[in-house]
């Protein structure tokens, strides 16, 4: 996972994202909303754009997900994101 959060680079493996999500659930304030805003597919490859609002209460992101169809199943193989608003909670 690659991106910038509150002005800091975040280049972390998915295992760290899972651990962070376990400690700090996205919908902690009960107002989280994720929207799929675009999908572009060519054969067995695709890119999806997801807008997230209300993450950890007030934080917003735009995610760019690279997907690959592997063995007939779509898998997210990369996530790049931009922090677009809100203040992160103390970690």
C-alpha atoms as a PDB file:
ATOM      1  CA  UNK A   1       0.000   0.000   0.000  1.00  0.00           C
ATOM      2  CA  UNK A   2       1.419   3.343  -1.039  1.00  0.00           C
ATOM      3  CA  UNK A   3       0.285   6.879  -0.351  1.00  0.00           C
ATOM      4  CA  UNK A   4       0.501   9.978   1.793  1.00  0.00           C
ATOM      5  CA  UNK A   5      -1.355  10.446   5.070  1.00  0.00           C
ATOM      6  CA  UNK A   6      -1.326  13.741   6.977  1.00  0.00           C
ATOM      7  CA  UNK A   7       1.737  14.793   4.988  1.00  0.00           C
ATOM      8  CA  UNK A   8       3.689  11.599   5.737  1.00  0.00           C
ATOM      9  CA  UNK A   9       4.606   8.918   3.202  1.00  0.00           C
ATOM     10  CA  UNK A  10       3.024   5.530   3.913  1.00  0.00           C
ATOM     11  CA  UNK A  11       4.551   2.657   2.018  1.00  0.00           C
ATOM     12  CA  UNK A  12       3.520  -0.403   4.008  1.00  0.00           C
ATOM     13  CA  UNK A  13       2.778  -4.076   3.369  1.00  0.00           C
ATOM     14  CA  UNK A  14      -0.821  -5.248   3.541  1.00  0.00           C
ATOM     15  CA  UNK A  15      -0.133  -7.078   6.826  1.00  0.00           C
ATOM     16  CA  UNK A  16       0.524  -3.705   8.504  1.00  0.00           C
ATOM     17  CA  UNK A  17      -2.702  -2.294   7.055  1.00  0.00           C
ATOM     18  CA  UNK A  18      -4.627  -5.242   8.503  1.00  0.00           C
ATOM     19  CA  UNK A  19      -2.990  -4.742  11.919  1.00  0.00           C
ATOM     20  CA  UNK A  20      -3.752  -0.995  11.830  1.00  0.00           C
ATOM     21  CA  UNK A  21      -7.373  -1.683  10.855  1.00  0.00           C
ATOM     22  CA  UNK A  22      -7.708  -4.141  13.744  1.00  0.00           C
ATOM     23  CA  UNK A  23      -6.517  -1.504  16.241  1.00  0.00           C
ATOM     24  CA  UNK A  24      -8.412   1.410  14.669  1.00  0.00           C
ATOM     25  CA  UNK A  25     -11.606   0.302  12.831  1.00  0.00           C
ATOM     26  CA  UNK A  26     -12.576   2.544   9.894  1.00  0.00           C
ATOM     27  CA  UNK A  27     -16.165   3.042  11.029  1.00  0.00           C
ATOM     28  CA  UNK A  28     -15.339   4.054  14.602  1.00  0.00           C
ATOM     29  CA  UNK A  29     -17.826   6.968  14.536  1.00  0.00           C
ATOM     30  CA  UNK A  30     -20.548   5.106  12.630  1.00  0.00           C
ATOM     31  CA  UNK A  31     -20.539   7.455   9.629  1.00  0.00           C
ATOM     32  CA  UNK A  32     -18.110   5.713   7.249  1.00  0.00           C
ATOM     33  CA  UNK A  33     -19.089   5.681   3.576  1.00  0.00           C
ATOM     34  CA  UNK A  34     -17.197   4.091   0.697  1.00  0.00           C
ATOM     35  CA  UNK A  35     -18.187   4.614  -2.940  1.00  0.00           C
ATOM     36  CA  UNK A  36     -16.902   2.893  -6.043  1.00  0.00           C
ATOM     37  CA  UNK A  37     -16.526   5.802  -8.464  1.00  0.00           C
ATOM     38  CA  UNK A  38     -14.799   4.262 -11.486  1.00  0.00           C
ATOM     39  CA  UNK A  39     -13.714   0.913 -12.917  1.00  0.00           C
ATOM     40  CA  UNK A  40     -11.605   0.419 -16.031  1.00  0.00           C
ATOM     41  CA  UNK A  41     -11.114  -3.183 -17.182  1.00  0.00           C
ATOM     42  CA  UNK A  42      -9.040  -4.576 -20.010  1.00  0.00           C
ATOM     43  CA  UNK A  43      -9.074  -8.363 -20.159  1.00  0.00           C
ATOM     44  CA  UNK A  44      -7.784  -9.793 -16.884  1.00  0.00           C
ATOM     45  CA  UNK A  45      -6.571  -6.429 -15.521  1.00  0.00           C
ATOM     46  CA  UNK A  46      -8.560  -3.577 -13.981  1.00  0.00           C
ATOM     47  CA  UNK A  47      -8.224  -0.382 -11.993  1.00  0.00           C
ATOM     48  CA  UNK A  48     -10.922   0.758  -9.544  1.00  0.00           C
ATOM     49  CA  UNK A  49     -11.246   4.135  -7.836  1.00  0.00           C
ATOM     50  CA  UNK A  50     -12.937   4.255  -4.424  1.00  0.00           C
ATOM     51  CA  UNK A  51     -13.831   7.394  -2.447  1.00  0.00           C
ATOM     52  CA  UNK A  52     -13.955   6.964   1.333  1.00  0.00           C
ATOM     53  CA  UNK A  53     -15.499   9.485   3.743  1.00  0.00           C
ATOM     54  CA  UNK A  54     -15.923   9.302   7.516  1.00  0.00           C
ATOM     55  CA  UNK A  55     -12.912   7.016   7.972  1.00  0.00           C
ATOM     56  CA  UNK A  56     -12.009   7.220  11.690  1.00  0.00           C
ATOM     57  CA  UNK A  57     -14.785   9.783  12.022  1.00  0.00           C
ATOM     58  CA  UNK A  58     -13.634  12.637   9.763  1.00  0.00           C
ATOM     59  CA  UNK A  59     -10.876  11.352   7.476  1.00  0.00           C
ATOM     60  CA  UNK A  60     -11.369  11.059   3.703  1.00  0.00           C
ATOM     61  CA  UNK A  61      -9.343   9.125   1.143  1.00  0.00           C
ATOM     62  CA  UNK A  62      -9.382   8.349  -2.561  1.00  0.00           C
ATOM     63  CA  UNK A  63      -8.058   4.838  -3.264  1.00  0.00           C
ATOM     64  CA  UNK A  64      -6.721   3.505  -6.547  1.00  0.00           C
ATOM     65  CA  UNK A  65      -6.896  -0.295  -6.579  1.00  0.00           C
ATOM     66  CA  UNK A  66      -5.101  -2.411  -9.163  1.00  0.00           C
ATOM     67  CA  UNK A  67      -6.867  -5.720  -9.746  1.00  0.00           C
ATOM     68  CA  UNK A  68      -5.946  -8.910 -11.578  1.00  0.00           C
ATOM     69  CA  UNK A  69      -8.143 -11.880 -12.449  1.00  0.00           C
ATOM     70  CA  UNK A  70      -6.179 -14.853 -11.148  1.00  0.00           C
ATOM     71  CA  UNK A  71      -7.614 -18.329 -11.588  1.00  0.00           C
ATOM     72  CA  UNK A  72     -10.994 -16.812 -12.463  1.00  0.00           C
ATOM     73  CA  UNK A  73     -11.161 -14.661  -9.295  1.00  0.00           C
ATOM     74  CA  UNK A  74     -10.526 -10.920  -9.065  1.00  0.00           C
ATOM     75  CA  UNK A  75      -7.787  -9.992  -6.559  1.00  0.00           C
ATOM     76  CA  UNK A  76      -6.603  -6.569  -5.391  1.00  0.00           C
ATOM     77  CA  UNK A  77      -2.864  -6.621  -6.089  1.00  0.00           C
ATOM     78  CA  UNK A  78      -1.971  -3.029  -5.186  1.00  0.00           C
ATOM     79  CA  UNK A  79      -3.459  -0.059  -3.357  1.00  0.00           C
ATOM     80  CA  UNK A  80      -2.364   3.541  -3.798  1.00  0.00           C
ATOM     81  CA  UNK A  81      -4.242   6.240  -1.921  1.00  0.00           C
ATOM     82  CA  UNK A  82      -4.485   9.970  -1.312  1.00  0.00           C
ATOM     83  CA  UNK A  83      -5.574  11.539   1.996  1.00  0.00           C
ATOM     84  CA  UNK A  84      -8.087  14.169   0.907  1.00  0.00           C
ATOM     85  CA  UNK A  85      -9.367  15.559   4.214  1.00  0.00           C
ATOM     86  CA  UNK A  86      -9.849  15.303   7.948  1.00  0.00           C
ATOM     87  CA  UNK A  87      -7.445  14.894  10.839  1.00  0.00           C
ATOM     88  CA  UNK A  88      -6.201  11.426  11.761  1.00  0.00           C
ATOM     89  CA  UNK A  89      -6.755  10.202  15.317  1.00  0.00           C
ATOM     90  CA  UNK A  90      -3.764   9.668  17.592  1.00  0.00           C
ATOM     91  CA  UNK A  91      -2.190   6.349  16.701  1.00  0.00           C
END
